[in-house]
Amino acid sequence: MILVNTDYIEGKTLEMLGLVKGSTIQSKNIGRDITQGFKTLVGGELKAYTEMMNDARALATKRMVEEANKLGADAVVNVRYASATVMQGAAEVMAYGTAVRFV
């Protein structure tokens, strides 16, 4: 599956199949949340949250690709990511784009 953030793929004619998306809501356990809270006092990267968001993006992308595969897509164009805080220490990540088939 080809994923691009442009609305075209060089050298390919595309047939649009529709919007596809994948999402997940992730959180860290309370112990990690507390240690990351202390980290904000001294500054620096919150590695546990960076890891959480990387995992969430990967899972959201996987779910988007699964939805595109169900439509018989060859690629997803205009791939975008969005995130939102659901509650303290939990975030939703959504991946979305347009599923296309090569003509």
PDB file of N, CA and C in Angstrom:
ATOM      1  N   MET A   1       0.860  -1.178   0.000  1.00  0.00           N
ATOM      2  CA  MET A   1       0.000   0.000   0.000  1.00  0.00           C
ATOM      3  C   MET A   1       0.904   1.238   0.000  1.00  0.00           C
ATOM      4  N   ILE A   2       0.645   2.128  -0.930  1.00  0.00           N
ATOM      5  CA  ILE A   2       1.392   3.379  -1.009  1.00  0.00           C
ATOM      6  C   ILE A   2       0.626   4.440  -0.209  1.00  0.00           C
ATOM      7  N   LEU A   3       1.333   5.150   0.663  1.00  0.00           N
ATOM      8  CA  LEU A   3       0.752   6.243   1.444  1.00  0.00           C
ATOM      9  C   LEU A   3       1.513   7.510   1.119  1.00  0.00           C
ATOM     10  N   VAL A   4       0.804   8.548   0.704  1.00  0.00           N
ATOM     11  CA  VAL A   4       1.447   9.829   0.402  1.00  0.00           C
ATOM     12  C   VAL A   4       0.615  10.969   0.976  1.00  0.00           C
ATOM     13  N   ASN A   5       1.283  12.096   1.233  1.00  0.00           N
ATOM     14  CA  ASN A   5       0.547  13.251   1.737  1.00  0.00           C
ATOM     15  C   ASN A   5       0.246  14.262   0.628  1.00  0.00           C
ATOM     16  N   THR A   6       0.439  13.848  -0.621  1.00  0.00           N
ATOM     17  CA  THR A   6       0.073  14.672  -1.773  1.00  0.00           C
ATOM     18  C   THR A   6      -1.252  14.160  -2.323  1.00  0.00           C
ATOM     19  N   ASP A   7      -1.870  14.934  -3.222  1.00  0.00           N
ATOM     20  CA  ASP A   7      -3.145  14.494  -3.782  1.00  0.00           C
ATOM     21  C   ASP A   7      -2.972  13.771  -5.118  1.00  0.00           C
ATOM     22  N   TYR A   8      -1.741  13.381  -5.429  1.00  0.00           N
ATOM     23  CA  TYR A   8      -1.456  12.648  -6.659  1.00  0.00           C
ATOM     24  C   TYR A   8      -0.255  11.736  -6.426  1.00  0.00           C
ATOM     25  N   ILE A   9      -0.066  10.796  -7.342  1.00  0.00           N
ATOM     26  CA  ILE A   9       1.128   9.947  -7.363  1.00  0.00           C
ATOM     27  C   ILE A   9       1.697  10.070  -8.765  1.00  0.00           C
ATOM     28  N   GLU A  10       2.904  10.553  -8.853  1.00  0.00           N
ATOM     29  CA  GLU A  10       3.556  10.809 -10.140  1.00  0.00           C
ATOM     30  C   GLU A  10       3.454   9.597 -11.061  1.00  0.00           C
ATOM     31  N   GLY A  11       2.949   9.838 -12.284  1.00  0.00           N
ATOM     32  CA  GLY A  11       2.874   8.794 -13.291  1.00  0.00           C
ATOM     33  C   GLY A  11       1.681   7.865 -13.174  1.00  0.00           C
ATOM     34  N   LYS A  12       0.788   8.108 -12.235  1.00  0.00           N
ATOM     35  CA  LYS A  12      -0.376   7.237 -12.034  1.00  0.00           C
ATOM     36  C   LYS A  12      -1.666   8.032 -12.263  1.00  0.00           C
ATOM     37  N   THR A  13      -2.637   7.381 -12.898  1.00  0.00           N
ATOM     38  CA  THR A  13      -3.991   7.928 -12.988  1.00  0.00           C
ATOM     39  C   THR A  13      -4.794   7.271 -11.876  1.00  0.00           C
ATOM     40  N   LEU A  14      -5.492   8.089 -11.096  1.00  0.00           N
ATOM     41  CA  LEU A  14      -6.146   7.592  -9.890  1.00  0.00           C
ATOM     42  C   LEU A  14      -7.666   7.624 -10.006  1.00  0.00           C
ATOM     43  N   GLU A  15      -8.287   6.576  -9.502  1.00  0.00           N
ATOM     44  CA  GLU A  15      -9.737   6.533  -9.332  1.00  0.00           C
ATOM     45  C   GLU A  15     -10.004   6.632  -7.835  1.00  0.00           C
ATOM     46  N   MET A  16     -10.727   7.655  -7.413  1.00  0.00           N
ATOM     47  CA  MET A  16     -10.993   7.847  -5.989  1.00  0.00           C
ATOM     48  C   MET A  16     -12.061   6.864  -5.509  1.00  0.00           C
ATOM     49  N   LEU A  17     -11.787   6.226  -4.388  1.00  0.00           N
ATOM     50  CA  LEU A  17     -12.713   5.260  -3.811  1.00  0.00           C
ATOM     51  C   LEU A  17     -13.449   5.816  -2.599  1.00  0.00           C
ATOM     52  N   GLY A  18     -12.850   6.774  -1.913  1.00  0.00           N
ATOM     53  CA  GLY A  18     -13.517   7.369  -0.760  1.00  0.00           C
ATOM     54  C   GLY A  18     -12.582   7.613   0.406  1.00  0.00           C
ATOM     55  N   LEU A  19     -13.117   8.277   1.392  1.00  0.00           N
ATOM     56  CA  LEU A  19     -12.383   8.609   2.614  1.00  0.00           C
ATOM     57  C   LEU A  19     -12.162   7.351   3.438  1.00  0.00           C
ATOM     58  N   VAL A  20     -10.939   7.199   3.941  1.00  0.00           N
ATOM     59  CA  VAL A  20     -10.633   6.115   4.874  1.00  0.00           C
ATOM     60  C   VAL A  20      -9.975   6.719   6.106  1.00  0.00           C
ATOM     61  N   LYS A  21     -10.165   6.061   7.229  1.00  0.00           N
ATOM     62  CA  LYS A  21      -9.613   6.589   8.472  1.00  0.00           C
ATOM     63  C   LYS A  21      -9.290   5.450   9.421  1.00  0.00           C
ATOM     64  N   GLY A  22      -8.469   5.771  10.368  1.00  0.00           N
ATOM     65  CA  GLY A  22      -8.162   4.858  11.453  1.00  0.00           C
ATOM     66  C   GLY A  22      -7.901   5.701  12.679  1.00  0.00           C
ATOM     67  N   SER A  23      -8.303   5.219  13.832  1.00  0.00           N
ATOM     68  CA  SER A  23      -8.064   5.998  15.047  1.00  0.00           C
ATOM     69  C   SER A  23      -7.828   5.081  16.233  1.00  0.00           C
ATOM     70  N   THR A  24      -7.278   5.672  17.264  1.00  0.00           N
ATOM     71  CA  THR A  24      -7.064   4.967  18.524  1.00  0.00           C
ATOM     72  C   THR A  24      -6.993   6.000  19.642  1.00  0.00           C
ATOM     73  N   ILE A  25      -7.325   5.573  20.828  1.00  0.00           N
ATOM     74  CA  ILE A  25      -7.150   6.404  22.024  1.00  0.00           C
ATOM     75  C   ILE A  25      -6.187   5.656  22.921  1.00  0.00           C
ATOM     76  N   GLN A  26      -5.104   6.320  23.284  1.00  0.00           N
ATOM     77  CA  GLN A  26      -4.051   5.698  24.072  1.00  0.00           C
ATOM     78  C   GLN A  26      -3.873   6.452  25.397  1.00  0.00           C
ATOM     79  N   SER A  27      -3.438   5.726  26.411  1.00  0.00           N
ATOM     80  CA  SER A  27      -3.082   6.358  27.676  1.00  0.00           C
ATOM     81  C   SER A  27      -1.913   5.597  28.297  1.00  0.00           C
ATOM     82  N   LYS A  28      -1.230   6.249  29.194  1.00  0.00           N
ATOM     83  CA  LYS A  28      -0.159   5.612  29.959  1.00  0.00           C
ATOM     84  C   LYS A  28      -0.712   5.244  31.329  1.00  0.00           C
ATOM     85  N   ASN A  29      -0.061   4.270  31.966  1.00  0.00           N
ATOM     86  CA  ASN A  29      -0.528   3.888  33.291  1.00  0.00           C
ATOM     87  C   ASN A  29      -0.241   4.994  34.300  1.00  0.00           C
ATOM     88  N   ILE A  30      -0.879   4.946  35.428  1.00  0.00           N
ATOM     89  CA  ILE A  30      -0.799   6.010  36.427  1.00  0.00           C
ATOM     90  C   ILE A  30       0.633   6.240  36.913  1.00  0.00           C
ATOM     91  N   GLY A  31       1.415   5.168  37.043  1.00  0.00           N
ATOM     92  CA  GLY A  31       2.810   5.321  37.478  1.00  0.00           C
ATOM     93  C   GLY A  31       3.621   6.130  36.484  1.00  0.00           C
ATOM     94  N   ARG A  32       3.467   5.817  35.208  1.00  0.00           N
ATOM     95  CA  ARG A  32       4.171   6.574  34.163  1.00  0.00           C
ATOM     96  C   ARG A  32       3.684   8.010  34.125  1.00  0.00           C
ATOM     97  N   ASP A  33       2.379   8.196  34.318  1.00  0.00           N
ATOM     98  CA  ASP A  33       1.801   9.540  34.279  1.00  0.00           C
ATOM     99  C   ASP A  33       2.405  10.406  35.384  1.00  0.00           C
ATOM    100  N   ILE A  34       2.577   9.836  36.559  1.00  0.00           N
ATOM    101  CA  ILE A  34       3.153  10.583  37.682  1.00  0.00           C
ATOM    102  C   ILE A  34       4.610  10.933  37.402  1.00  0.00           C
ATOM    103  N   THR A  35       5.401   9.961  36.916  1.00  0.00           N
ATOM    104  CA  THR A  35       6.814  10.240  36.645  1.00  0.00           C
ATOM    105  C   THR A  35       6.976  11.278  35.537  1.00  0.00           C
ATOM    106  N   GLN A  36       6.096  11.230  34.538  1.00  0.00           N
ATOM    107  CA  GLN A  36       6.165  12.228  33.469  1.00  0.00           C
ATOM    108  C   GLN A  36       5.751  13.606  33.989  1.00  0.00           C
ATOM    109  N   GLY A  37       4.844  13.626  34.961  1.00  0.00           N
ATOM    110  CA  GLY A  37       4.452  14.890  35.593  1.00  0.00           C
ATOM    111  C   GLY A  37       5.638  15.529  36.300  1.00  0.00           C
ATOM    112  N   PHE A  38       6.446  14.734  36.986  1.00  0.00           N
ATOM    113  CA  PHE A  38       7.644  15.268  37.644  1.00  0.00           C
ATOM    114  C   PHE A  38       8.645  15.799  36.621  1.00  0.00           C
ATOM    115  N   LYS A  39       8.723  15.151  35.474  1.00  0.00           N
ATOM    116  CA  LYS A  39       9.646  15.563  34.424  1.00  0.00           C
ATOM    117  C   LYS A  39       9.327  16.982  33.940  1.00  0.00           C
ATOM    118  N   THR A  40       8.057  17.365  33.983  1.00  0.00           N
ATOM    119  CA  THR A  40       7.693  18.708  33.529  1.00  0.00           C
ATOM    120  C   THR A  40       8.273  19.789  34.436  1.00  0.00           C
ATOM    121  N   LEU A  41       8.648  19.427  35.658  1.00  0.00           N
ATOM    122  CA  LEU A  41       9.240  20.399  36.582  1.00  0.00           C
ATOM    123  C   LEU A  41      10.651  20.793  36.166  1.00  0.00           C
ATOM    124  N   VAL A  42      11.386  19.859  35.562  1.00  0.00           N
ATOM    125  CA  VAL A  42      12.775  20.139  35.188  1.00  0.00           C
ATOM    126  C   VAL A  42      12.949  20.356  33.692  1.00  0.00           C
ATOM    127  N   GLY A  43      11.945  20.014  32.916  1.00  0.00           N
ATOM    128  CA  GLY A  43      12.012  20.210  31.471  1.00  0.00           C
ATOM    129  C   GLY A  43      12.612  19.019  30.756  1.00  0.00           C
ATOM    130  N   GLY A  44      12.524  19.036  29.447  1.00  0.00           N
ATOM    131  CA  GLY A  44      13.055  17.956  28.622  1.00  0.00           C
ATOM    132  C   GLY A  44      11.954  17.144  27.981  1.00  0.00           C
ATOM    133  N   GLU A  45      12.378  16.187  27.178  1.00  0.00           N
ATOM    134  CA  GLU A  45      11.422  15.359  26.448  1.00  0.00           C
ATOM    135  C   GLU A  45      10.699  14.399  27.382  1.00  0.00           C
ATOM    136  N   LEU A  46       9.417  14.266  27.166  1.00  0.00           N
ATOM    137  CA  LEU A  46       8.615  13.298  27.908  1.00  0.00           C
ATOM    138  C   LEU A  46       8.589  12.010  27.078  1.00  0.00           C
ATOM    139  N   LYS A  47       9.623  11.187  27.259  1.00  0.00           N
ATOM    140  CA  LYS A  47       9.841  10.035  26.393  1.00  0.00           C
ATOM    141  C   LYS A  47       8.694   9.032  26.417  1.00  0.00           C
ATOM    142  N   ALA A  48       8.075   8.834  27.566  1.00  0.00           N
ATOM    143  CA  ALA A  48       6.962   7.887  27.640  1.00  0.00           C
ATOM    144  C   ALA A  48       5.798   8.364  26.779  1.00  0.00           C
ATOM    145  N   TYR A  49       5.560   9.667  26.756  1.00  0.00           N
ATOM    146  CA  TYR A  49       4.477  10.204  25.933  1.00  0.00           C
ATOM    147  C   TYR A  49       4.856  10.216  24.454  1.00  0.00           C
ATOM    148  N   THR A  50       6.109  10.466  24.158  1.00  0.00           N
ATOM    149  CA  THR A  50       6.566  10.391  22.767  1.00  0.00           C
ATOM    150  C   THR A  50       6.347   8.979  22.233  1.00  0.00           C
ATOM    151  N   GLU A  51       6.727   7.992  23.021  1.00  0.00           N
ATOM    152  CA  GLU A  51       6.536   6.594  22.642  1.00  0.00           C
ATOM    153  C   GLU A  51       5.051   6.269  22.481  1.00  0.00           C
ATOM    154  N   MET A  52       4.232   6.756  23.405  1.00  0.00           N
ATOM    155  CA  MET A  52       2.792   6.516  23.344  1.00  0.00           C
ATOM    156  C   MET A  52       2.210   7.084  22.048  1.00  0.00           C
ATOM    157  N   MET A  53       2.607   8.309  21.691  1.00  0.00           N
ATOM    158  CA  MET A  53       2.067   8.937  20.489  1.00  0.00           C
ATOM    159  C   MET A  53       2.581   8.253  19.220  1.00  0.00           C
ATOM    160  N   ASN A  54       3.836   7.806  19.214  1.00  0.00           N
ATOM    161  CA  ASN A  54       4.361   7.060  18.063  1.00  0.00           C
ATOM    162  C   ASN A  54       3.587   5.757  17.868  1.00  0.00           C
ATOM    163  N   ASP A  55       3.327   5.061  18.968  1.00  0.00           N
ATOM    164  CA  ASP A  55       2.548   3.819  18.898  1.00  0.00           C
ATOM    165  C   ASP A  55       1.128   4.098  18.413  1.00  0.00           C
ATOM    166  N   ALA A  56       0.545   5.177  18.891  1.00  0.00           N
ATOM    167  CA  ALA A  56      -0.816   5.534  18.497  1.00  0.00           C
ATOM    168  C   ALA A  56      -0.881   5.879  17.008  1.00  0.00           C
ATOM    169  N   ARG A  57       0.095   6.630  16.499  1.00  0.00           N
ATOM    170  CA  ARG A  57       0.115   6.958  15.066  1.00  0.00           C
ATOM    171  C   ARG A  57       0.257   5.692  14.224  1.00  0.00           C
ATOM    172  N   ALA A  58       1.122   4.785  14.658  1.00  0.00           N
ATOM    173  CA  ALA A  58       1.323   3.537  13.919  1.00  0.00           C
ATOM    174  C   ALA A  58       0.035   2.708  13.880  1.00  0.00           C
ATOM    175  N   LEU A  59      -0.667   2.625  14.991  1.00  0.00           N
ATOM    176  CA  LEU A  59      -1.906   1.853  15.050  1.00  0.00           C
ATOM    177  C   LEU A  59      -3.004   2.519  14.220  1.00  0.00           C
ATOM    178  N   ALA A  60      -3.124   3.837  14.312  1.00  0.00           N
ATOM    179  CA  ALA A  60      -4.125   4.560  13.517  1.00  0.00           C
ATOM    180  C   ALA A  60      -3.848   4.374  12.024  1.00  0.00           C
ATOM    181  N   THR A  61      -2.575   4.425  11.634  1.00  0.00           N
ATOM    182  CA  THR A  61      -2.208   4.226  10.228  1.00  0.00           C
ATOM    183  C   THR A  61      -2.567   2.821   9.785  1.00  0.00           C
ATOM    184  N   LYS A  62      -2.259   1.836  10.606  1.00  0.00           N
ATOM    185  CA  LYS A  62      -2.578   0.431  10.289  1.00  0.00           C
ATOM    186  C   LYS A  62      -4.076   0.263  10.074  1.00  0.00           C
ATOM    187  N   ARG A  63      -4.887   0.857  10.922  1.00  0.00           N
ATOM    188  CA  ARG A  63      -6.339   0.746  10.801  1.00  0.00           C
ATOM    189  C   ARG A  63      -6.853   1.450   9.545  1.00  0.00           C
ATOM    190  N   MET A  64      -6.242   2.580   9.195  1.00  0.00           N
ATOM    191  CA  MET A  64      -6.614   3.284   7.972  1.00  0.00           C
ATOM    192  C   MET A  64      -6.306   2.412   6.756  1.00  0.00           C
ATOM    193  N   VAL A  65      -5.122   1.798   6.736  1.00  0.00           N
ATOM    194  CA  VAL A  65      -4.721   0.936   5.625  1.00  0.00           C
ATOM    195  C   VAL A  65      -5.659  -0.272   5.520  1.00  0.00           C
ATOM    196  N   GLU A  66      -6.057  -0.849   6.639  1.00  0.00           N
ATOM    197  CA  GLU A  66      -6.998  -1.981   6.622  1.00  0.00           C
ATOM    198  C   GLU A  66      -8.318  -1.571   5.978  1.00  0.00           C
ATOM    199  N   GLU A  67      -8.793  -0.363   6.298  1.00  0.00           N
ATOM    200  CA  GLU A  67     -10.038   0.135   5.709  1.00  0.00           C
ATOM    201  C   GLU A  67      -9.868   0.339   4.200  1.00  0.00           C
ATOM    202  N   ALA A  68      -8.712   0.856   3.790  1.00  0.00           N
ATOM    203  CA  ALA A  68      -8.432   1.061   2.363  1.00  0.00           C
ATOM    204  C   ALA A  68      -8.364  -0.285   1.629  1.00  0.00           C
ATOM    205  N   ASN A  69      -7.747  -1.271   2.257  1.00  0.00           N
ATOM    206  CA  ASN A  69      -7.668  -2.607   1.644  1.00  0.00           C
ATOM    207  C   ASN A  69      -9.054  -3.198   1.405  1.00  0.00           C
ATOM    208  N   LYS A  70      -9.979  -2.962   2.323  1.00  0.00           N
ATOM    209  CA  LYS A  70     -11.347  -3.467   2.163  1.00  0.00           C
ATOM    210  C   LYS A  70     -12.024  -2.860   0.942  1.00  0.00           C
ATOM    211  N   LEU A  71     -11.613  -1.656   0.554  1.00  0.00           N
ATOM    212  CA  LEU A  71     -12.169  -0.997  -0.630  1.00  0.00           C
ATOM    213  C   LEU A  71     -11.441  -1.401  -1.910  1.00  0.00           C
ATOM    214  N   GLY A  72     -10.378  -2.195  -1.782  1.00  0.00           N
ATOM    215  CA  GLY A  72      -9.591  -2.597  -2.940  1.00  0.00           C
ATOM    216  C   GLY A  72      -8.628  -1.522  -3.408  1.00  0.00           C
ATOM    217  N   ALA A  73      -8.197  -0.669  -2.509  1.00  0.00           N
ATOM    218  CA  ALA A  73      -7.313   0.448  -2.857  1.00  0.00           C
ATOM    219  C   ALA A  73      -5.886  -0.011  -3.113  1.00  0.00           C
ATOM    220  N   ASP A  74      -5.215   0.740  -3.980  1.00  0.00           N
ATOM    221  CA  ASP A  74      -3.792   0.545  -4.224  1.00  0.00           C
ATOM    222  C   ASP A  74      -2.956   1.522  -3.411  1.00  0.00           C
ATOM    223  N   ALA A  75      -3.580   2.630  -2.996  1.00  0.00           N
ATOM    224  CA  ALA A  75      -2.853   3.679  -2.281  1.00  0.00           C
ATOM    225  C   ALA A  75      -3.839   4.527  -1.489  1.00  0.00           C
ATOM    226  N   VAL A  76      -3.273   5.331  -0.589  1.00  0.00           N
ATOM    227  CA  VAL A  76      -4.043   6.359   0.106  1.00  0.00           C
ATOM    228  C   VAL A  76      -3.298   7.666  -0.114  1.00  0.00           C
ATOM    229  N   VAL A  77      -4.004   8.636  -0.687  1.00  0.00           N
ATOM    230  CA  VAL A  77      -3.405   9.950  -0.941  1.00  0.00           C
ATOM    231  C   VAL A  77      -3.948  10.956   0.062  1.00  0.00           C
ATOM    232  N   ASN A  78      -3.243  12.085   0.166  1.00  0.00           N
ATOM    233  CA  ASN A  78      -3.642  13.160   1.081  1.00  0.00           C
ATOM    234  C   ASN A  78      -3.721  12.666   2.527  1.00  0.00           C
ATOM    235  N   VAL A  79      -2.783  11.833   2.936  1.00  0.00           N
ATOM    236  CA  VAL A  79      -2.787  11.292   4.297  1.00  0.00           C
ATOM    237  C   VAL A  79      -2.512  12.417   5.288  1.00  0.00           C
ATOM    238  N   ARG A  80      -3.327  12.477   6.305  1.00  0.00           N
ATOM    239  CA  ARG A  80      -3.197  13.488   7.354  1.00  0.00           C
ATOM    240  C   ARG A  80      -3.368  12.814   8.715  1.00  0.00           C
ATOM    241  N   TYR A  81      -2.822  13.471   9.724  1.00  0.00           N
ATOM    242  CA  TYR A  81      -2.955  13.008  11.107  1.00  0.00           C
ATOM    243  C   TYR A  81      -3.543  14.125  11.947  1.00  0.00           C
ATOM    244  N   ALA A  82      -4.363  13.746  12.907  1.00  0.00           N
ATOM    245  CA  ALA A  82      -4.919  14.702  13.860  1.00  0.00           C
ATOM    246  C   ALA A  82      -4.852  14.065  15.239  1.00  0.00           C
ATOM    247  N   SER A  83      -4.697  14.876  16.242  1.00  0.00           N
ATOM    248  CA  SER A  83      -4.701  14.352  17.607  1.00  0.00           C
ATOM    249  C   SER A  83      -5.470  15.299  18.509  1.00  0.00           C
ATOM    250  N   ALA A  84      -6.004  14.732  19.555  1.00  0.00           N
ATOM    251  CA  ALA A  84      -6.766  15.519  20.518  1.00  0.00           C
ATOM    252  C   ALA A  84      -6.642  14.871  21.888  1.00  0.00           C
ATOM    253  N   THR A  85      -6.628  15.683  22.896  1.00  0.00           N
ATOM    254  CA  THR A  85      -6.615  15.182  24.267  1.00  0.00           C
ATOM    255  C   THR A  85      -8.032  14.768  24.633  1.00  0.00           C
ATOM    256  N   VAL A  86      -8.172  13.546  25.112  1.00  0.00           N
ATOM    257  CA  VAL A  86      -9.477  13.041  25.513  1.00  0.00           C
ATOM    258  C   VAL A  86      -9.687  13.306  26.998  1.00  0.00           C
ATOM    259  N   MET A  87      -8.621  13.114  27.774  1.00  0.00           N
ATOM    260  CA  MET A  87      -8.612  13.393  29.211  1.00  0.00           C
ATOM    261  C   MET A  87      -7.157  13.468  29.633  1.00  0.00           C
ATOM    262  N   GLN A  88      -6.894  13.818  30.857  1.00  0.00           N
ATOM    263  CA  GLN A  88      -5.522  13.910  31.351  1.00  0.00           C
ATOM    264  C   GLN A  88      -4.782  12.601  31.104  1.00  0.00           C
ATOM    265  N   GLY A  89      -3.711  12.657  30.320  1.00  0.00           N
ATOM    266  CA  GLY A  89      -2.883  11.481  30.083  1.00  0.00           C
ATOM    267  C   GLY A  89      -3.391  10.554  28.999  1.00  0.00           C
ATOM    268  N   ALA A  90      -4.454  10.938  28.282  1.00  0.00           N
ATOM    269  CA  ALA A  90      -4.978  10.097  27.203  1.00  0.00           C
ATOM    270  C   ALA A  90      -5.204  10.955  25.965  1.00  0.00           C
ATOM    271  N   ALA A  91      -4.838  10.417  24.819  1.00  0.00           N
ATOM    272  CA  ALA A  91      -4.977  11.173  23.576  1.00  0.00           C
ATOM    273  C   ALA A  91      -5.533  10.288  22.476  1.00  0.00           C
ATOM    274  N   GLU A  92      -6.334  10.906  21.606  1.00  0.00           N
ATOM    275  CA  GLU A  92      -6.813  10.231  20.409  1.00  0.00           C
ATOM    276  C   GLU A  92      -5.931  10.651  19.251  1.00  0.00           C
ATOM    277  N   VAL A  93      -5.570   9.696  18.422  1.00  0.00           N
ATOM    278  CA  VAL A  93      -4.853   9.982  17.185  1.00  0.00           C
ATOM    279  C   VAL A  93      -5.685   9.416  16.054  1.00  0.00           C
ATOM    280  N   MET A  94      -5.887  10.225  15.009  1.00  0.00           N
ATOM    281  CA  MET A  94      -6.626   9.788  13.840  1.00  0.00           C
ATOM    282  C   MET A  94      -5.753   9.968  12.607  1.00  0.00           C
ATOM    283  N   ALA A  95      -5.750   8.963  11.756  1.00  0.00           N
ATOM    284  CA  ALA A  95      -5.098   9.038  10.444  1.00  0.00           C
ATOM    285  C   ALA A  95      -6.218   8.963   9.416  1.00  0.00           C
ATOM    286  N   TYR A  96      -6.164   9.813   8.394  1.00  0.00           N
ATOM    287  CA  TYR A  96      -7.196   9.793   7.375  1.00  0.00           C
ATOM    288  C   TYR A  96      -6.643  10.224   6.031  1.00  0.00           C
ATOM    289  N   GLY A  97      -7.314   9.810   4.980  1.00  0.00           N
ATOM    290  CA  GLY A  97      -6.913  10.152   3.635  1.00  0.00           C
ATOM    291  C   GLY A  97      -7.925   9.633   2.642  1.00  0.00           C
ATOM    292  N   THR A  98      -7.593   9.713   1.364  1.00  0.00           N
ATOM    293  CA  THR A  98      -8.476   9.265   0.296  1.00  0.00           C
ATOM    294  C   THR A  98      -7.913   7.986  -0.313  1.00  0.00           C
ATOM    295  N   ALA A  99      -8.709   6.933  -0.262  1.00  0.00           N
ATOM    296  CA  ALA A  99      -8.318   5.661  -0.866  1.00  0.00           C
ATOM    297  C   ALA A  99      -8.478   5.782  -2.373  1.00  0.00           C
ATOM    298  N   VAL A 100      -7.477   5.281  -3.120  1.00  0.00           N
ATOM    299  CA  VAL A 100      -7.510   5.359  -4.580  1.00  0.00           C
ATOM    300  C   VAL A 100      -7.079   4.024  -5.178  1.00  0.00           C
ATOM    301  N   ARG A 101      -7.530   3.822  -6.409  1.00  0.00           N
ATOM    302  CA  ARG A 101      -7.141   2.648  -7.187  1.00  0.00           C
ATOM    303  C   ARG A 101      -6.444   3.174  -8.432  1.00  0.00           C
ATOM    304  N   PHE A 102      -5.401   2.486  -8.880  1.00  0.00           N
ATOM    305  CA  PHE A 102      -4.703   2.883 -10.110  1.00  0.00           C
ATOM    306  C   PHE A 102      -5.544   2.447 -11.313  1.00  0.00           C
ATOM    307  N   VAL A 103      -5.666   3.355 -12.275  1.00  0.00           N
ATOM    308  CA  VAL A 103      -6.439   3.064 -13.492  1.00  0.00           C
ATOM    309  C   VAL A 103      -5.475   2.656 -14.583  1.00  0.00           C
TER     310      VAL A 103
END
